């Protein structure tokens, strides 16, 4: 318990450092008297493209949460890793996300949000299908790396697509909706995908490595379905926006 308290206390100076950096470097927004009081929290949801972006954000966040819920059981019970090695294996995902974040943003600027959204979802789908058949530590880490890299691509592209068409008076509200969708996705992933794993391995403390592996496969087979649904939403959003752009061009020509 004392070790846990010490670890928790280590986060205090880190949080203070983050607050100091935010205070020092983030720009100060001026008050916007033109912001309408009637512009409620839910009014931006009338935008079909925004709803699509929020739905996709929730779906892929649920899949990422599955790696944190199911991963430790597979690494410890399925592969027999001790806590230290399990922690190192679990750190691969966040490390890949940190490394690929800036390149994902650069690619979004160069190639566009529509293309990168589909590429990110496609990469995640391949990784989820791989995880639904994976066996062994090296293969698991490789699949996790691909999944997280795809998630970085998707997040950079989807966030840019959502925020690009938002007026200045609604940016804070839409940013809050994006955070809400991610958190709802994390809750959904922890509960529903965790339940899928629990159904496949009811008593994980007594489960054999084969049973835990079967639970991992069932979980990510379900996760692949969620990613496929996100891909359908992304495709429809891209077609809708392309159609509206062609309509606007035809109007200008006429």
Protein backbone atom coordinates (compact mmCIF):
# COMPACT_ATOMS: atom_id res chain seq x y z
CA UNK A 1 0.00 0.00 0.00
CA UNK A 2 2.85 2.38 0.80
CA UNK A 3 4.40 1.71 -2.59
CA UNK A 4 1.13 2.55 -4.28
CA UNK A 5 0.89 5.78 -2.29
CA UNK A 6 4.42 6.70 -3.30
CA UNK A 7 3.64 6.02 -6.95
CA UNK A 8 0.53 8.19 -6.66
CA UNK A 9 2.53 11.00 -5.09
CA UNK A 10 4.95 10.89 -8.02
CA UNK A 11 2.11 12.12 -10.19
CA UNK A 12 1.68 15.31 -8.17
CA UNK A 13 4.84 17.10 -9.42
CA UNK A 14 4.15 15.84 -12.95
CA UNK A 15 0.65 17.33 -12.81
CA UNK A 16 2.10 20.58 -11.48
CA UNK A 17 4.64 20.66 -14.31
CA UNK A 18 1.88 20.07 -16.89
CA UNK A 19 -0.20 22.90 -15.39
CA UNK A 20 2.80 25.25 -15.42
CA UNK A 21 3.60 24.46 -19.06
CA UNK A 22 -0.04 24.96 -20.06
CA UNK A 23 -0.16 28.31 -18.25
CA UNK A 24 3.09 29.42 -19.85
CA UNK A 25 2.68 28.31 -23.46
CA UNK A 26 -1.01 27.88 -24.30
CA UNK A 27 -2.60 30.96 -25.90
CA UNK A 28 -5.22 32.90 -24.00
CA UNK A 29 -8.52 33.09 -25.84
CA UNK A 30 -10.42 36.33 -25.68
CA UNK A 31 -14.03 36.37 -24.55
CA UNK A 32 -16.45 36.03 -27.45
CA UNK A 33 -19.51 38.22 -26.99
CA UNK A 34 -20.87 36.93 -30.30
CA UNK A 35 -21.33 33.44 -28.84
CA UNK A 36 -25.04 32.76 -28.60
CA UNK A 37 -26.52 31.68 -25.29
CA UNK A 38 -28.99 29.60 -27.25
CA UNK A 39 -26.11 27.63 -28.71
CA UNK A 40 -26.65 24.73 -26.35
CA UNK A 41 -24.35 21.82 -25.70
CA UNK A 42 -26.27 19.49 -28.01
CA UNK A 43 -26.96 21.84 -30.93
CA UNK A 44 -23.71 20.97 -32.78
CA UNK A 45 -24.97 17.39 -33.02
CA UNK A 46 -27.31 18.48 -35.81
CA UNK A 47 -24.28 18.22 -38.08
CA UNK A 48 -24.24 14.76 -39.67
CA UNK A 49 -20.48 14.84 -40.20
CA UNK A 50 -19.87 15.69 -36.56
CA UNK A 51 -22.09 12.85 -35.40
CA UNK A 52 -20.15 10.47 -37.63
CA UNK A 53 -16.82 11.65 -36.22
CA UNK A 54 -18.02 11.26 -32.64
CA UNK A 55 -19.40 7.77 -33.31
CA UNK A 56 -16.14 6.63 -34.89
CA UNK A 57 -14.14 8.10 -32.02
CA UNK A 58 -16.21 6.13 -29.52
CA UNK A 59 -15.90 2.87 -31.46
CA UNK A 60 -12.13 2.95 -31.88
CA UNK A 61 -11.62 4.07 -28.27
CA UNK A 62 -13.57 1.01 -27.16
CA UNK A 63 -11.14 -1.18 -29.08
CA UNK A 64 -8.12 0.53 -27.55
CA UNK A 65 -9.61 0.05 -24.09
CA UNK A 66 -9.82 -3.68 -24.76
CA UNK A 67 -6.03 -3.84 -24.91
CA UNK A 68 -5.81 -2.45 -21.37
CA UNK A 69 -8.59 -4.67 -20.01
CA UNK A 70 -7.77 -7.98 -21.68
CA UNK A 71 -4.05 -7.51 -22.29
CA UNK A 72 -2.88 -7.92 -18.68
CA UNK A 73 -4.79 -11.21 -18.30
CA UNK A 74 -3.33 -12.60 -21.50
CA UNK A 75 0.20 -11.51 -20.66
CA UNK A 76 0.10 -12.81 -17.08
CA UNK A 77 -2.18 -15.87 -17.30
CA UNK A 78 -1.83 -16.75 -20.96
CA UNK A 79 1.90 -16.16 -21.38
CA UNK A 80 3.03 -16.39 -17.76
CA UNK A 81 4.84 -13.04 -17.59
CA UNK A 82 5.71 -11.55 -14.21
CA UNK A 83 4.40 -8.05 -13.34
CA UNK A 84 7.59 -6.29 -14.44
CA UNK A 85 7.65 -7.82 -17.92
CA UNK A 86 3.90 -7.46 -18.23
CA UNK A 87 4.22 -3.74 -17.50
CA UNK A 88 6.90 -3.37 -20.15
CA UNK A 89 4.74 -5.17 -22.70
CA UNK A 90 1.75 -2.99 -21.82
CA UNK A 91 3.88 0.14 -22.26
CA UNK A 92 4.44 -0.65 -25.94
CA UNK A 93 1.06 0.76 -26.96
CA UNK A 94 1.42 4.18 -25.29
CA UNK A 95 5.01 4.40 -26.52
CA UNK A 96 3.94 3.78 -30.11
CA UNK A 97 1.15 6.35 -29.75
CA UNK A 98 3.66 8.94 -28.50
CA UNK A 99 6.12 8.22 -31.31
CA UNK A 100 3.57 8.20 -34.13
CA UNK A 101 1.50 11.18 -32.98
CA UNK A 102 3.44 13.92 -34.80
CA UNK A 103 4.02 11.88 -38.00
CA UNK A 104 0.29 11.11 -38.06
CA UNK A 105 -0.49 14.82 -37.90
CA UNK A 106 2.01 15.54 -40.68
CA UNK A 107 0.50 12.87 -42.91
CA UNK A 108 -2.97 14.27 -42.24
CA UNK A 109 -1.83 17.69 -43.45
CA UNK A 110 -0.23 16.21 -46.56
CA UNK A 111 -2.75 13.54 -47.58
CA UNK A 112 -6.03 14.87 -46.18
CA UNK A 113 -8.39 13.77 -43.46
CA UNK A 114 -10.62 11.49 -45.53
CA UNK A 115 -7.81 9.31 -46.80
CA UNK A 116 -6.01 9.12 -43.45
CA UNK A 117 -9.22 8.30 -41.58
CA UNK A 118 -9.80 5.30 -43.82
CA UNK A 119 -6.13 4.28 -43.65
CA UNK A 120 -6.15 4.45 -39.86
CA UNK A 121 -9.34 2.41 -39.59
CA UNK A 122 -8.05 -0.12 -42.12
CA UNK A 123 -4.81 -0.49 -40.17
CA UNK A 124 -6.72 -1.01 -36.93
CA UNK A 125 -8.97 -3.58 -38.60
CA UNK A 126 -5.98 -5.59 -39.80
CA UNK A 127 -4.42 -5.44 -36.33
CA UNK A 128 -7.65 -6.50 -34.61
CA UNK A 129 -8.00 -9.48 -36.95
CA UNK A 130 -4.38 -10.33 -36.21
CA UNK A 131 -5.03 -10.15 -32.48
CA UNK A 132 -8.04 -12.43 -32.92
CA UNK A 133 -5.61 -15.13 -34.09
CA UNK A 134 -2.41 -14.16 -32.29
CA UNK A 135 -0.28 -16.55 -30.25
CA UNK A 136 2.93 -15.67 -28.40
CA UNK A 137 4.50 -12.53 -26.98
CA UNK A 138 6.31 -11.29 -30.09
CA UNK A 139 3.22 -11.60 -32.28
CA UNK A 140 1.07 -9.90 -29.63
CA UNK A 141 3.44 -6.94 -29.31
CA UNK A 142 3.70 -6.63 -33.10
CA UNK A 143 -0.09 -6.64 -33.49
CA UNK A 144 -0.44 -4.15 -30.62
CA UNK A 145 2.09 -1.87 -32.33
CA UNK A 146 0.12 -1.93 -35.58
CA UNK A 147 -3.16 -1.33 -33.74
CA UNK A 148 -1.81 1.68 -31.86
CA UNK A 149 -0.19 3.17 -34.96
CA UNK A 150 -3.52 2.91 -36.77
CA UNK A 151 -5.23 4.55 -33.82
CA UNK A 152 -2.80 7.48 -33.99
CA UNK A 153 -3.50 7.93 -37.69
CA UNK A 154 -7.24 7.80 -37.12
CA UNK A 155 -7.21 10.21 -34.19
CA UNK A 156 -5.15 12.82 -36.01
CA UNK A 157 -7.33 12.64 -39.12
CA UNK A 158 -10.70 12.40 -37.39
CA UNK A 159 -10.01 15.20 -34.90
CA UNK A 160 -8.85 17.44 -37.73
CA UNK A 161 -11.93 16.62 -39.81
CA UNK A 162 -14.27 17.31 -36.90
CA UNK A 163 -12.68 20.61 -35.88
CA UNK A 164 -12.02 21.99 -39.36
CA UNK A 165 -15.63 22.92 -40.08
CA UNK A 166 -16.44 24.22 -36.59
CA UNK A 167 -16.99 27.93 -36.03
CA UNK A 168 -14.87 29.72 -33.44
CA UNK A 169 -17.81 30.05 -31.06
CA UNK A 170 -18.35 26.29 -30.97
CA UNK A 171 -14.82 24.91 -30.81
CA UNK A 172 -14.85 24.44 -27.06
CA UNK A 173 -18.20 22.66 -27.18
CA UNK A 174 -17.12 20.33 -29.98
CA UNK A 175 -13.82 19.61 -28.22
CA UNK A 176 -15.84 18.64 -25.16
CA UNK A 177 -18.03 16.37 -27.29
CA UNK A 178 -14.92 14.69 -28.67
CA UNK A 179 -13.68 14.04 -25.15
CA UNK A 180 -17.11 12.73 -24.20
CA UNK A 181 -17.18 10.33 -27.14
CA UNK A 182 -13.74 8.98 -26.27
CA UNK A 183 -14.69 8.48 -22.63
CA UNK A 184 -17.94 6.78 -23.58
CA UNK A 185 -15.96 4.54 -25.90
CA UNK A 186 -13.55 3.65 -23.10
CA UNK A 187 -16.47 2.80 -20.82
CA UNK A 188 -18.07 0.70 -23.56
CA UNK A 189 -14.82 -1.13 -24.24
CA UNK A 190 -14.17 -1.85 -20.57
CA UNK A 191 -17.69 -3.15 -19.97
CA UNK A 192 -18.84 -4.83 -23.18
CA UNK A 193 -15.54 -6.15 -24.51
CA UNK A 194 -14.57 -7.07 -20.97
CA UNK A 195 -17.81 -9.05 -20.76
CA UNK A 196 -16.94 -10.84 -24.01
CA UNK A 197 -13.61 -11.87 -22.50
CA UNK A 198 -15.25 -12.93 -19.23
CA UNK A 199 -17.77 -15.06 -21.12
CA UNK A 200 -14.96 -16.93 -22.85
CA UNK A 201 -12.92 -17.32 -19.63
CA UNK A 202 -15.37 -17.20 -16.70
CA UNK A 203 -12.84 -17.79 -13.89
CA UNK A 204 -9.66 -16.13 -15.05
CA UNK A 205 -7.79 -16.95 -11.83
CA UNK A 206 -8.20 -20.67 -12.54
CA UNK A 207 -8.22 -20.48 -16.33
CA UNK A 208 -5.67 -22.32 -18.41
CA UNK A 209 -3.47 -20.42 -20.89
CA UNK A 210 -5.52 -21.89 -23.73
CA UNK A 211 -8.76 -20.56 -22.21
CA UNK A 212 -7.30 -17.08 -21.72
CA UNK A 213 -6.00 -17.08 -25.29
CA UNK A 214 -9.46 -18.07 -26.53
CA UNK A 215 -10.91 -15.14 -24.57
CA UNK A 216 -8.41 -12.78 -26.19
CA UNK A 217 -9.34 -14.06 -29.64
CA UNK A 218 -13.07 -13.70 -29.00
CA UNK A 219 -12.61 -10.17 -27.65
CA UNK A 220 -10.69 -8.89 -30.64
CA UNK A 221 -12.93 -10.68 -33.12
CA UNK A 222 -15.74 -8.59 -31.60
CA UNK A 223 -13.48 -5.52 -31.68
CA UNK A 224 -12.87 -6.10 -35.39
CA UNK A 225 -16.63 -5.84 -35.89
CA UNK A 226 -16.66 -2.47 -34.11
CA UNK A 227 -13.82 -1.21 -36.30
CA UNK A 228 -15.62 -2.43 -39.41
CA UNK A 229 -18.66 -0.43 -38.32
CA UNK A 230 -16.43 2.63 -37.89
CA UNK A 231 -15.11 2.04 -41.40
CA UNK A 232 -18.63 2.01 -42.83
CA UNK A 233 -19.37 5.30 -41.06
CA UNK A 234 -16.13 6.83 -42.37
CA UNK A 235 -16.91 5.72 -45.92
CA UNK A 236 -20.40 7.19 -45.79
CA UNK A 237 -19.07 10.47 -44.37
CA UNK A 238 -16.48 10.70 -47.15
CA UNK A 239 -19.13 10.04 -49.82
CA UNK A 240 -21.48 12.62 -48.29
CA UNK A 241 -18.82 15.31 -48.17
CA UNK A 242 -17.62 14.53 -51.69
CA UNK A 243 -21.19 14.78 -52.96
CA UNK A 244 -21.77 18.12 -51.24
CA UNK A 245 -18.52 19.50 -52.66
CA UNK A 246 -19.51 18.48 -56.20
CA UNK A 247 -22.90 20.12 -55.68
CA UNK A 248 -21.27 23.37 -54.58
CA UNK A 249 -18.92 23.31 -57.57
CA UNK A 250 -21.83 22.79 -59.96
CA UNK A 251 -23.67 25.72 -58.39
CA UNK A 252 -20.63 27.97 -58.84
CA UNK A 253 -20.28 26.94 -62.50
CA UNK A 254 -23.92 27.63 -63.19
